[in-house]
N, C-alpha and C. Protein backbone atom coordinates (compact mmCIF):
# COMPACT_ATOMS: atom_id res chain seq x y z
N GLY A 1 46.53 107.71 60.79
CA GLY A 1 45.09 108.65 60.98
C GLY A 1 44.32 108.71 59.74
N THR A 2 43.10 108.94 60.23
CA THR A 2 42.23 109.18 58.64
C THR A 2 42.43 110.18 57.93
N TRP A 3 41.84 109.98 56.77
CA TRP A 3 42.26 110.93 55.63
C TRP A 3 41.27 110.94 54.72
N ARG A 4 41.06 111.91 53.99
CA ARG A 4 40.01 112.13 52.46
C ARG A 4 40.49 112.28 51.32
N PHE A 5 39.65 112.06 50.15
CA PHE A 5 39.93 112.47 49.06
C PHE A 5 39.14 113.27 48.34
N ASP A 6 39.35 114.16 47.46
CA ASP A 6 38.46 114.51 46.69
C ASP A 6 38.97 114.40 45.17
N ALA A 7 37.60 114.55 44.37
CA ALA A 7 37.59 114.24 42.92
C ALA A 7 36.68 115.24 42.05
N SER A 8 37.66 115.63 40.96
CA SER A 8 37.01 116.55 40.21
C SER A 8 36.68 115.64 38.94
N VAL A 9 35.02 115.79 38.52
CA VAL A 9 35.12 115.00 37.42
C VAL A 9 34.42 116.02 36.65
N PRO A 10 34.24 115.56 35.33
CA PRO A 10 34.02 116.56 34.15
C PRO A 10 32.32 116.53 33.93
N THR A 11 31.60 117.16 34.73
CA THR A 11 30.50 117.67 34.63
C THR A 11 29.73 118.88 33.97
N ARG A 12 28.60 119.04 33.46
CA ARG A 12 28.34 120.36 32.81
C ARG A 12 28.49 121.38 33.84
N THR A 13 28.34 121.57 34.76
CA THR A 13 28.72 122.25 35.82
C THR A 13 29.70 121.89 36.85
N SER A 14 30.48 122.57 37.15
CA SER A 14 31.56 122.11 37.57
C SER A 14 31.42 121.32 39.07
N TYR A 15 31.97 120.41 39.69
CA TYR A 15 31.52 119.47 40.96
C TYR A 15 32.91 118.72 41.44
N VAL A 16 32.75 118.63 42.76
CA VAL A 16 34.10 118.32 43.13
C VAL A 16 33.56 117.62 44.39
N PHE A 17 33.82 116.30 44.34
CA PHE A 17 33.35 115.26 45.22
C PHE A 17 34.67 115.23 46.18
N LYS A 18 33.89 115.32 47.48
CA LYS A 18 34.61 115.07 48.93
C LYS A 18 34.15 114.05 49.58
N SER A 19 35.35 112.77 50.09
CA SER A 19 35.09 112.01 50.62
C SER A 19 34.60 112.48 52.17
N GLU A 20 34.06 110.98 52.75
CA GLU A 20 33.94 110.96 53.95
C GLU A 20 35.51 110.78 54.83
N PRO A 21 35.93 110.76 55.93
CA PRO A 21 36.82 110.25 56.36
C PRO A 21 37.14 109.03 56.19
N GLN A 22 38.57 108.32 55.79
CA GLN A 22 39.02 107.16 55.17
C GLN A 22 39.49 106.40 56.40
N GLN A 23 39.64 105.09 56.34
CA GLN A 23 40.22 104.25 57.43
C GLN A 23 42.05 104.49 56.69
N SER A 24 42.81 104.56 57.88
CA SER A 24 44.48 104.65 57.44
C SER A 24 44.59 103.28 56.54
N LEU A 25 45.64 103.36 55.44
CA LEU A 25 46.29 102.27 55.01
C LEU A 25 47.51 102.24 55.62
N ALA A 26 48.26 100.85 55.53
CA ALA A 26 49.43 100.47 56.00
C ALA A 26 50.12 100.83 54.75
N PRO A 27 51.43 101.11 54.73
CA PRO A 27 52.44 101.25 53.60
C PRO A 27 52.28 99.92 52.73
N GLY A 28 52.37 100.50 51.39
CA GLY A 28 52.01 99.61 50.37
C GLY A 28 50.56 99.00 49.97
N ASP A 29 49.71 99.41 51.06
CA ASP A 29 48.47 98.89 50.92
C ASP A 29 47.50 99.59 49.58
N SER A 30 46.59 99.24 49.22
CA SER A 30 45.88 100.22 48.36
C SER A 30 44.31 100.09 48.76
N ILE A 31 43.42 100.57 47.94
CA ILE A 31 42.28 100.51 47.89
C ILE A 31 41.49 100.93 46.42
N ASP A 32 40.34 100.31 46.20
CA ASP A 32 39.51 100.71 44.96
C ASP A 32 38.07 101.30 45.46
N TYR A 33 38.12 102.45 44.38
CA TYR A 33 36.61 103.18 44.67
C TYR A 33 36.16 103.17 43.46
N THR A 34 34.96 103.17 43.56
CA THR A 34 33.86 103.02 42.37
C THR A 34 33.41 104.62 42.44
N LEU A 35 33.47 105.80 41.73
CA LEU A 35 32.64 106.74 41.90
C LEU A 35 31.57 107.05 40.46
N GLY A 36 30.42 107.26 40.41
CA GLY A 36 29.63 107.66 39.55
C GLY A 36 29.22 108.80 39.48
N PHE A 37 28.46 109.34 38.21
CA PHE A 37 28.39 110.57 38.20
C PHE A 37 27.49 111.00 36.99
N ASP A 38 26.70 111.92 37.07
CA ASP A 38 25.47 112.05 35.80
C ASP A 38 26.00 113.40 35.35
N ARG A 39 25.03 113.68 34.25
CA ARG A 39 25.39 115.21 33.30
C ARG A 39 26.80 115.13 33.05
N ALA A 40 27.47 114.25 32.34
CA ALA A 40 28.94 114.42 32.05
C ALA A 40 29.16 115.60 31.12
N LYS A 41 29.99 116.03 31.14
CA LYS A 41 30.55 116.98 29.89
C LYS A 41 31.04 116.12 28.86
N THR A 42 30.24 115.71 27.49
CA THR A 42 30.79 115.35 26.53
C THR A 42 31.88 115.90 26.00
N GLY A 43 32.93 115.07 25.18
CA GLY A 43 33.99 115.63 24.55
C GLY A 43 35.08 114.91 24.65
N SER A 44 36.30 115.17 23.75
CA SER A 44 37.12 114.38 23.93
C SER A 44 38.21 115.15 25.04
N ASP A 45 39.54 114.33 25.94
CA ASP A 45 39.99 114.94 26.76
C ASP A 45 39.55 115.68 27.73
N GLN A 46 38.48 114.77 27.91
CA GLN A 46 37.81 115.56 29.60
C GLN A 46 38.83 114.85 31.04
N PRO A 47 38.91 115.71 31.95
CA PRO A 47 39.76 115.53 32.62
C PRO A 47 39.27 114.94 34.03
N ILE A 48 39.46 113.89 34.47
CA ILE A 48 39.21 113.87 35.92
C ILE A 48 40.78 113.79 36.99
N SER A 49 40.44 114.26 38.21
CA SER A 49 41.34 114.54 39.25
C SER A 49 40.93 114.14 40.34
N ILE A 50 42.18 113.34 40.89
CA ILE A 50 41.74 112.86 42.21
C ILE A 50 42.82 113.20 43.24
N THR A 51 42.50 113.55 44.42
CA THR A 51 43.64 114.09 45.16
C THR A 51 43.28 113.61 46.49
N VAL A 52 44.22 112.69 46.96
CA VAL A 52 44.23 112.02 48.36
C VAL A 52 44.69 112.63 49.51
N ASP A 53 44.64 112.68 50.66
CA ASP A 53 44.91 113.43 51.83
C ASP A 53 45.36 115.16 51.55
N PHE A 54 44.38 115.53 50.96
CA PHE A 54 44.61 116.83 50.48
C PHE A 54 45.08 117.79 51.62
N SER A 55 44.69 117.70 52.70
CA SER A 55 45.15 118.23 53.89
C SER A 55 45.98 117.73 54.54
N HIS A 56 46.85 116.99 54.16
CA HIS A 56 48.20 116.25 54.64
C HIS A 56 48.30 115.86 56.03
N ALA A 57 47.20 115.27 56.36
CA ALA A 57 46.85 114.64 57.69
C ALA A 57 47.44 113.20 57.83
N VAL A 58 48.03 112.69 57.17
CA VAL A 58 48.58 111.62 57.36
C VAL A 58 50.13 111.92 57.12
N PRO A 59 51.01 111.86 58.29
CA PRO A 59 52.70 111.85 57.62
C PRO A 59 53.00 110.81 56.77
N GLU A 60 53.62 110.88 55.55
CA GLU A 60 54.15 110.18 54.55
C GLU A 60 55.56 110.68 54.58
N SER A 61 56.35 109.71 54.05
CA SER A 61 57.86 109.92 53.34
C SER A 61 57.81 110.60 52.00
N ASN A 62 56.38 110.40 51.41
CA ASN A 62 56.13 111.01 50.09
C ASN A 62 55.25 111.38 49.86
N GLU A 63 54.88 112.74 50.07
CA GLU A 63 53.72 113.58 49.67
C GLU A 63 53.22 113.98 48.12
N ASN A 64 54.32 113.50 47.21
CA ASN A 64 54.18 113.77 45.70
C ASN A 64 53.38 112.87 45.28
N ASN A 65 52.81 111.56 45.94
CA ASN A 65 52.11 110.51 45.02
C ASN A 65 50.60 110.78 45.39
N ASN A 66 50.27 111.71 45.71
CA ASN A 66 48.83 111.84 46.21
C ASN A 66 47.91 112.19 44.96
N ASN A 67 48.03 112.60 44.15
CA ASN A 67 47.37 112.98 43.05
C ASN A 67 47.56 112.32 41.72
N ILE A 68 46.43 112.42 40.88
CA ILE A 68 46.55 111.76 39.31
C ILE A 68 45.47 112.33 39.05
N THR A 69 45.69 112.87 37.22
CA THR A 69 44.72 112.81 36.55
C THR A 69 44.90 112.41 35.07
N ALA A 70 43.57 112.08 34.78
CA ALA A 70 43.58 111.29 33.50
C ALA A 70 42.53 112.17 32.28
N SER A 71 42.67 111.79 31.71
CA SER A 71 41.47 112.29 30.43
C SER A 71 40.73 111.29 29.53
N PHE A 72 39.30 111.45 29.25
CA PHE A 72 38.51 110.17 28.76
C PHE A 72 37.96 111.17 27.63
N ASN A 73 37.49 110.24 26.89
CA ASN A 73 36.67 110.76 25.61
C ASN A 73 35.48 110.20 26.40
N ILE A 74 34.38 111.28 26.33
CA ILE A 74 33.12 111.08 26.89
C ILE A 74 32.15 111.55 25.79
N LEU A 75 31.46 110.29 25.35
CA LEU A 75 30.36 110.44 24.04
C LEU A 75 28.85 110.84 24.59
């Protein structure tokens, strides 16, 4: 089934990007996205968090690999 993702990005005012519905992927498939944003919050260890299929619309054998958080230094 279709799924969506959201991305919490470090902007001066809190912002969460919510995607449009996405096409299903087969087991082992992957997809690359590029997200751009402006008015970045500067500093070290600024977190970006992405969650896919947050509503659990797609049945999966492992729901524990649907999110990731990473930190970046933004100058």
